[in-house]
Amino acid sequence: MRHRRKKNQLAKSFRLIVPVLFLLAILWVWKSTVARNLCRQWSSLENQKKVLIEDNKRLLAELEQYRSIGWIDSKVRQEFGMIHDTKNRMILLENQKTEKKTSVPRGFYAGVLETLNDIWRFLMGE
């Protein structure tokens, strides 16, 4: 009888061990597959990052070219036939009154009155 009990216990424990080992094997394979996919995604994102950095550098250089006055001038001349006449150029300079303001510290009310006076001059066009 004793021998029979040991066999039954061994059979019961073996029935539990096999499914547990099977589940562990499935989990191991699943983990490996997910890790491999994540590694591939990471490497593709790293490559994409390098490509985007190079594109950004190229676009910044192109932007600097477009900001160049010489490039703009050559494009305007080539594509639109526009030229600027430097011989007959007229420059208008407007004389402005130059007022020297003294840096004497004033009181609060004097500063407010001066500001109101400046606003009045601006509104009157002086």
N, C-alpha and C. Protein backbone atom coordinates (compact mmCIF):
# COMPACT_ATOMS: atom_id res chain seq x y z
N MET A 1 0.80 -1.19 0.00
CA MET A 1 0.00 0.00 0.00
C MET A 1 0.85 1.27 0.00
N ARG A 2 1.86 1.16 0.76
CA ARG A 2 2.75 2.31 0.83
C ARG A 2 3.37 2.64 -0.53
N HIS A 3 3.72 1.65 -1.21
CA HIS A 3 4.32 1.81 -2.52
C HIS A 3 3.33 2.47 -3.49
N ARG A 4 2.10 2.11 -3.37
CA ARG A 4 1.07 2.67 -4.20
C ARG A 4 0.86 4.16 -3.94
N ARG A 5 0.92 4.56 -2.71
CA ARG A 5 0.74 5.97 -2.36
C ARG A 5 1.84 6.83 -2.97
N LYS A 6 3.05 6.34 -2.89
CA LYS A 6 4.17 7.10 -3.47
C LYS A 6 4.00 7.25 -4.97
N LYS A 7 3.53 6.22 -5.61
CA LYS A 7 3.31 6.30 -7.04
C LYS A 7 2.24 7.33 -7.38
N ASN A 8 1.17 7.33 -6.62
CA ASN A 8 0.08 8.27 -6.87
C ASN A 8 0.54 9.72 -6.62
N GLN A 9 1.33 9.93 -5.57
CA GLN A 9 1.82 11.28 -5.30
C GLN A 9 2.79 11.73 -6.38
N LEU A 10 3.64 10.82 -6.81
CA LEU A 10 4.59 11.16 -7.88
C LEU A 10 3.85 11.46 -9.18
N ALA A 11 2.82 10.70 -9.48
CA ALA A 11 2.02 10.93 -10.69
C ALA A 11 1.29 12.27 -10.60
N LYS A 12 0.75 12.59 -9.41
CA LYS A 12 0.04 13.87 -9.25
C LYS A 12 1.01 15.04 -9.40
N SER A 13 2.16 14.92 -8.77
CA SER A 13 3.12 16.02 -8.87
C SER A 13 3.68 16.12 -10.29
N PHE A 14 3.85 15.01 -10.97
CA PHE A 14 4.31 15.04 -12.37
C PHE A 14 3.26 15.69 -13.26
N ARG A 15 1.97 15.43 -12.97
CA ARG A 15 0.89 16.07 -13.74
C ARG A 15 0.90 17.59 -13.56
N LEU A 16 1.36 18.07 -12.41
CA LEU A 16 1.44 19.52 -12.18
C LEU A 16 2.72 20.12 -12.76
N ILE A 17 3.80 19.38 -12.72
CA ILE A 17 5.10 19.90 -13.19
C ILE A 17 5.11 20.09 -14.70
N VAL A 18 4.53 19.19 -15.45
CA VAL A 18 4.55 19.27 -16.91
C VAL A 18 3.85 20.54 -17.41
N PRO A 19 2.63 20.87 -16.97
CA PRO A 19 2.00 22.11 -17.45
C PRO A 19 2.77 23.37 -17.01
N VAL A 20 3.33 23.33 -15.80
CA VAL A 20 4.08 24.50 -15.33
C VAL A 20 5.32 24.68 -16.19
N LEU A 21 6.04 23.62 -16.50
CA LEU A 21 7.22 23.72 -17.37
C LEU A 21 6.82 24.18 -18.77
N PHE A 22 5.68 23.68 -19.26
CA PHE A 22 5.20 24.10 -20.57
C PHE A 22 4.89 25.60 -20.59
N LEU A 23 4.23 26.10 -19.54
CA LEU A 23 3.94 27.54 -19.46
C LEU A 23 5.22 28.37 -19.36
N LEU A 24 6.18 27.88 -18.59
CA LEU A 24 7.46 28.60 -18.48
C LEU A 24 8.18 28.65 -19.82
N ALA A 25 8.12 27.57 -20.57
CA ALA A 25 8.75 27.54 -21.89
C ALA A 25 8.07 28.53 -22.84
N ILE A 26 6.75 28.55 -22.80
CA ILE A 26 6.01 29.50 -23.65
C ILE A 26 6.35 30.93 -23.26
N LEU A 27 6.39 31.22 -21.96
CA LEU A 27 6.75 32.57 -21.52
C LEU A 27 8.16 32.94 -21.93
N TRP A 28 9.09 32.01 -21.88
CA TRP A 28 10.47 32.28 -22.29
C TRP A 28 10.55 32.63 -23.78
N VAL A 29 9.85 31.87 -24.59
CA VAL A 29 9.83 32.14 -26.04
C VAL A 29 9.18 33.48 -26.32
N TRP A 30 8.07 33.76 -25.64
CA TRP A 30 7.38 35.03 -25.84
C TRP A 30 8.28 36.20 -25.45
N LYS A 31 8.97 36.08 -24.30
CA LYS A 31 9.88 37.14 -23.84
C LYS A 31 11.00 37.37 -24.85
N SER A 32 11.55 36.30 -25.38
CA SER A 32 12.62 36.42 -26.37
C SER A 32 12.14 37.09 -27.64
N THR A 33 10.95 36.74 -28.07
CA THR A 33 10.39 37.34 -29.29
C THR A 33 10.13 38.83 -29.08
N VAL A 34 9.55 39.19 -27.97
CA VAL A 34 9.27 40.60 -27.68
C VAL A 34 10.58 41.39 -27.56
N ALA A 35 11.56 40.80 -26.89
CA ALA A 35 12.85 41.49 -26.75
C ALA A 35 13.51 41.70 -28.11
N ARG A 36 13.45 40.71 -28.99
CA ARG A 36 14.03 40.84 -30.32
C ARG A 36 13.31 41.92 -31.13
N ASN A 37 11.98 41.95 -31.05
CA ASN A 37 11.21 42.98 -31.77
C ASN A 37 11.53 44.37 -31.24
N LEU A 38 11.63 44.51 -29.93
CA LEU A 38 11.96 45.81 -29.35
C LEU A 38 13.36 46.25 -29.75
N CYS A 39 14.29 45.32 -29.83
CA CYS A 39 15.65 45.64 -30.25
C CYS A 39 15.66 46.11 -31.70
N ARG A 40 14.89 45.45 -32.56
CA ARG A 40 14.80 45.88 -33.96
C ARG A 40 14.19 47.27 -34.08
N GLN A 41 13.12 47.50 -33.32
CA GLN A 41 12.49 48.82 -33.35
C GLN A 41 13.46 49.90 -32.87
N TRP A 42 14.19 49.59 -31.82
CA TRP A 42 15.13 50.56 -31.26
C TRP A 42 16.22 50.89 -32.28
N SER A 43 16.76 49.87 -32.93
CA SER A 43 17.82 50.13 -33.91
C SER A 43 17.27 50.90 -35.11
N SER A 44 16.04 50.60 -35.54
CA SER A 44 15.47 51.36 -36.66
C SER A 44 15.21 52.81 -36.25
N LEU A 45 14.79 53.03 -35.00
CA LEU A 45 14.59 54.41 -34.52
C LEU A 45 15.91 55.16 -34.41
N GLU A 46 16.97 54.46 -34.03
CA GLU A 46 18.29 55.10 -33.98
C GLU A 46 18.73 55.51 -35.38
N ASN A 47 18.52 54.63 -36.35
CA ASN A 47 18.86 54.96 -37.74
C ASN A 47 18.04 56.13 -38.24
N GLN A 48 16.76 56.13 -37.91
CA GLN A 48 15.87 57.23 -38.32
C GLN A 48 16.32 58.54 -37.67
N LYS A 49 16.76 58.47 -36.41
CA LYS A 49 17.25 59.66 -35.72
C LYS A 49 18.47 60.22 -36.42
N LYS A 50 19.40 59.35 -36.83
CA LYS A 50 20.60 59.80 -37.54
C LYS A 50 20.22 60.46 -38.86
N VAL A 51 19.28 59.86 -39.58
CA VAL A 51 18.84 60.43 -40.86
C VAL A 51 18.20 61.79 -40.64
N LEU A 52 17.37 61.91 -39.59
CA LEU A 52 16.71 63.19 -39.32
C LEU A 52 17.70 64.27 -38.89
N ILE A 53 18.74 63.88 -38.15
CA ILE A 53 19.77 64.85 -37.77
C ILE A 53 20.49 65.36 -39.00
N GLU A 54 20.83 64.46 -39.93
CA GLU A 54 21.49 64.88 -41.17
C GLU A 54 20.57 65.76 -42.01
N ASP A 55 19.29 65.41 -42.09
CA ASP A 55 18.33 66.25 -42.83
C ASP A 55 18.22 67.63 -42.20
N ASN A 56 18.21 67.67 -40.87
CA ASN A 56 18.11 68.95 -40.18
C ASN A 56 19.33 69.82 -40.49
N LYS A 57 20.52 69.22 -40.48
CA LYS A 57 21.74 69.99 -40.81
C LYS A 57 21.67 70.51 -42.23
N ARG A 58 21.22 69.65 -43.16
CA ARG A 58 21.13 70.07 -44.55
C ARG A 58 20.11 71.20 -44.71
N LEU A 59 18.97 71.08 -44.04
CA LEU A 59 17.94 72.12 -44.15
C LEU A 59 18.38 73.43 -43.51
N LEU A 60 19.15 73.36 -42.41
CA LEU A 60 19.66 74.59 -41.81
C LEU A 60 20.65 75.28 -42.74
N ALA A 61 21.49 74.49 -43.42
CA ALA A 61 22.43 75.08 -44.38
C ALA A 61 21.67 75.71 -45.55
N GLU A 62 20.61 75.04 -45.99
CA GLU A 62 19.80 75.58 -47.08
C GLU A 62 19.10 76.87 -46.64
N LEU A 63 18.64 76.90 -45.40
CA LEU A 63 17.99 78.10 -44.87
C LEU A 63 18.97 79.27 -44.82
N GLU A 64 20.19 78.99 -44.41
CA GLU A 64 21.20 80.05 -44.39
C GLU A 64 21.46 80.57 -45.80
N GLN A 65 21.43 79.68 -46.79
CA GLN A 65 21.61 80.11 -48.18
C GLN A 65 20.47 81.04 -48.58
N TYR A 66 19.24 80.68 -48.20
CA TYR A 66 18.09 81.51 -48.57
C TYR A 66 18.09 82.85 -47.86
N ARG A 67 18.76 82.94 -46.72
CA ARG A 67 18.84 84.21 -46.01
C ARG A 67 19.92 85.13 -46.58
N SER A 68 20.76 84.61 -47.43
CA SER A 68 21.88 85.38 -47.98
C SER A 68 21.35 86.41 -48.98
N ILE A 69 21.79 87.64 -48.81
CA ILE A 69 21.38 88.72 -49.71
C ILE A 69 21.88 88.45 -51.13
N GLY A 70 23.10 87.95 -51.24
CA GLY A 70 23.66 87.65 -52.56
C GLY A 70 22.84 86.62 -53.31
N TRP A 71 22.39 85.58 -52.62
CA TRP A 71 21.59 84.54 -53.26
C TRP A 71 20.24 85.11 -53.68
N ILE A 72 19.63 85.90 -52.81
CA ILE A 72 18.33 86.50 -53.13
C ILE A 72 18.47 87.41 -54.34
N ASP A 73 19.53 88.20 -54.36
CA ASP A 73 19.77 89.12 -55.47
C ASP A 73 19.94 88.36 -56.78
N SER A 74 20.73 87.28 -56.76
CA SER A 74 20.95 86.53 -58.00
C SER A 74 19.66 85.86 -58.47
N LYS A 75 18.85 85.33 -57.55
CA LYS A 75 17.59 84.70 -57.94
C LYS A 75 16.62 85.71 -58.53
N VAL A 76 16.55 86.88 -57.92
CA VAL A 76 15.64 87.92 -58.42
C VAL A 76 16.07 88.36 -59.82
N ARG A 77 17.36 88.48 -60.02
CA ARG A 77 17.84 88.88 -61.36
C ARG A 77 17.57 87.79 -62.39
N GLN A 78 17.84 86.51 -62.03
CA GLN A 78 17.68 85.42 -62.99
C GLN A 78 16.22 85.15 -63.30
N GLU A 79 15.40 84.98 -62.28
CA GLU A 79 14.04 84.52 -62.50
C GLU A 79 13.06 85.62 -62.87
N PHE A 80 13.25 86.81 -62.32
CA PHE A 80 12.28 87.88 -62.55
C PHE A 80 12.84 89.04 -63.37
N GLY A 81 14.12 89.01 -63.65
CA GLY A 81 14.73 90.07 -64.44
C GLY A 81 14.74 91.41 -63.72
N MET A 82 14.67 91.38 -62.42
CA MET A 82 14.65 92.62 -61.64
C MET A 82 16.08 93.01 -61.30
N ILE A 83 16.38 94.26 -61.56
CA ILE A 83 17.69 94.78 -61.16
C ILE A 83 17.46 96.10 -60.45
N HIS A 84 18.39 96.44 -59.60
CA HIS A 84 18.25 97.74 -58.93
C HIS A 84 19.33 98.66 -59.48
N ASP A 85 18.88 99.86 -59.75
CA ASP A 85 19.76 100.86 -60.37
C ASP A 85 20.52 101.58 -59.26
N THR A 86 21.80 101.29 -59.14
CA THR A 86 22.58 101.91 -58.08
C THR A 86 23.08 103.29 -58.48
N LYS A 87 23.11 103.59 -59.78
CA LYS A 87 23.60 104.90 -60.22
C LYS A 87 22.60 106.00 -59.92
N ASN A 88 21.34 105.72 -60.13
CA ASN A 88 20.31 106.74 -59.95
C ASN A 88 19.54 106.54 -58.65
N ARG A 89 20.15 105.95 -57.72
CA ARG A 89 19.49 105.70 -56.44
C ARG A 89 19.36 107.01 -55.68
N MET A 90 18.21 107.21 -55.09
CA MET A 90 17.97 108.42 -54.33
C MET A 90 17.73 108.03 -52.87
N ILE A 91 18.47 108.64 -52.00
CA ILE A 91 18.32 108.36 -50.59
C ILE A 91 17.80 109.61 -49.91
N LEU A 92 16.70 109.46 -49.21
CA LEU A 92 16.10 110.58 -48.50
C LEU A 92 16.42 110.45 -47.03
N LEU A 93 16.96 111.50 -46.50
CA LEU A 93 17.24 111.53 -45.08
C LEU A 93 16.36 112.60 -44.46
N GLU A 94 15.78 112.29 -43.37
CA GLU A 94 14.89 113.22 -42.70
C GLU A 94 15.62 113.78 -41.48
N ASN A 95 15.65 115.09 -41.41
CA ASN A 95 16.28 115.72 -40.26
C ASN A 95 15.35 115.62 -39.06
N GLN A 96 15.90 115.18 -37.98
CA GLN A 96 15.12 115.07 -36.76
C GLN A 96 15.77 115.94 -35.71
N LYS A 97 14.92 116.50 -34.90
CA LYS A 97 15.44 117.30 -33.81
C LYS A 97 16.11 116.38 -32.81
N THR A 98 17.26 116.77 -32.42
CA THR A 98 17.94 115.98 -31.40
C THR A 98 17.89 116.77 -30.11
N GLU A 99 17.28 116.16 -29.16
CA GLU A 99 17.15 116.79 -27.85
C GLU A 99 18.02 116.03 -26.87
N LYS A 100 18.77 116.78 -26.13
CA LYS A 100 19.59 116.16 -25.10
C LYS A 100 18.80 116.20 -23.80
N LYS A 101 18.57 115.05 -23.29
CA LYS A 101 17.86 114.99 -22.03
C LYS A 101 18.89 114.90 -20.92
N THR A 102 18.66 115.69 -19.94
CA THR A 102 19.59 115.67 -18.81
C THR A 102 19.22 114.51 -17.91
N SER A 103 20.22 113.98 -17.30
CA SER A 103 19.98 112.84 -16.43
C SER A 103 19.93 113.28 -14.97
N VAL A 104 19.23 114.40 -14.77
CA VAL A 104 19.08 114.90 -13.41
C VAL A 104 17.92 114.14 -12.77
N PRO A 105 18.13 113.58 -11.61
CA PRO A 105 17.02 112.87 -10.98
C PRO A 105 15.90 113.83 -10.61
N ARG A 106 14.70 113.46 -10.97
CA ARG A 106 13.56 114.30 -10.70
C ARG A 106 12.62 113.56 -9.76
N GLY A 107 11.72 114.30 -9.24
CA GLY A 107 10.72 113.70 -8.37
C GLY A 107 9.68 112.94 -9.17
N PHE A 108 8.81 112.28 -8.50
CA PHE A 108 7.79 111.47 -9.13
C PHE A 108 6.85 112.32 -9.99
N TYR A 109 6.38 113.43 -9.43
CA TYR A 109 5.43 114.26 -10.17
C TYR A 109 6.08 114.94 -11.37
N ALA A 110 7.34 115.30 -11.25
CA ALA A 110 8.03 115.90 -12.38
C ALA A 110 8.15 114.87 -13.51
N GLY A 111 8.43 113.63 -13.19
CA GLY A 111 8.52 112.57 -14.20
C GLY A 111 7.18 112.31 -14.87
N VAL A 112 6.11 112.35 -14.09
CA VAL A 112 4.77 112.13 -14.64
C VAL A 112 4.40 113.28 -15.56
N LEU A 113 4.70 114.51 -15.15
CA LEU A 113 4.39 115.66 -15.99
C LEU A 113 5.18 115.63 -17.28
N GLU A 114 6.43 115.22 -17.22
CA GLU A 114 7.26 115.14 -18.42
C GLU A 114 6.70 114.07 -19.37
N THR A 115 6.25 112.97 -18.82
CA THR A 115 5.67 111.90 -19.64
C THR A 115 4.39 112.38 -20.31
N LEU A 116 3.56 113.08 -19.57
CA LEU A 116 2.33 113.63 -20.16
C LEU A 116 2.65 114.65 -21.24
N ASN A 117 3.68 115.44 -21.02
CA ASN A 117 4.11 116.41 -22.01
C ASN A 117 4.59 115.71 -23.28
N ASP A 118 5.33 114.61 -23.14
CA ASP A 118 5.79 113.84 -24.31
C ASP A 118 4.62 113.25 -25.07
N ILE A 119 3.62 112.77 -24.34
CA ILE A 119 2.43 112.21 -24.98
C ILE A 119 1.68 113.30 -25.73
N TRP A 120 1.56 114.49 -25.16
CA TRP A 120 0.88 115.61 -25.81
C TRP A 120 1.60 116.00 -27.10
N ARG A 121 2.94 116.05 -27.05
CA ARG A 121 3.72 116.37 -28.26
C ARG A 121 3.51 115.34 -29.35
N PHE A 122 3.48 114.07 -28.94
CA PHE A 122 3.26 113.01 -29.92
C PHE A 122 1.91 113.12 -30.58
N LEU A 123 0.87 113.41 -29.79
CA LEU A 123 -0.48 113.52 -30.34
C LEU A 123 -0.63 114.74 -31.25
N MET A 124 0.10 115.80 -30.93
CA MET A 124 0.02 117.01 -31.74
C MET A 124 0.93 116.95 -32.96
N GLY A 125 1.79 115.94 -33.02
CA GLY A 125 2.66 115.79 -34.17
C GLY A 125 3.91 116.66 -34.12
N GLU A 126 4.32 116.99 -32.97
CA GLU A 126 5.51 117.82 -32.85
C GLU A 126 6.74 116.98 -32.76
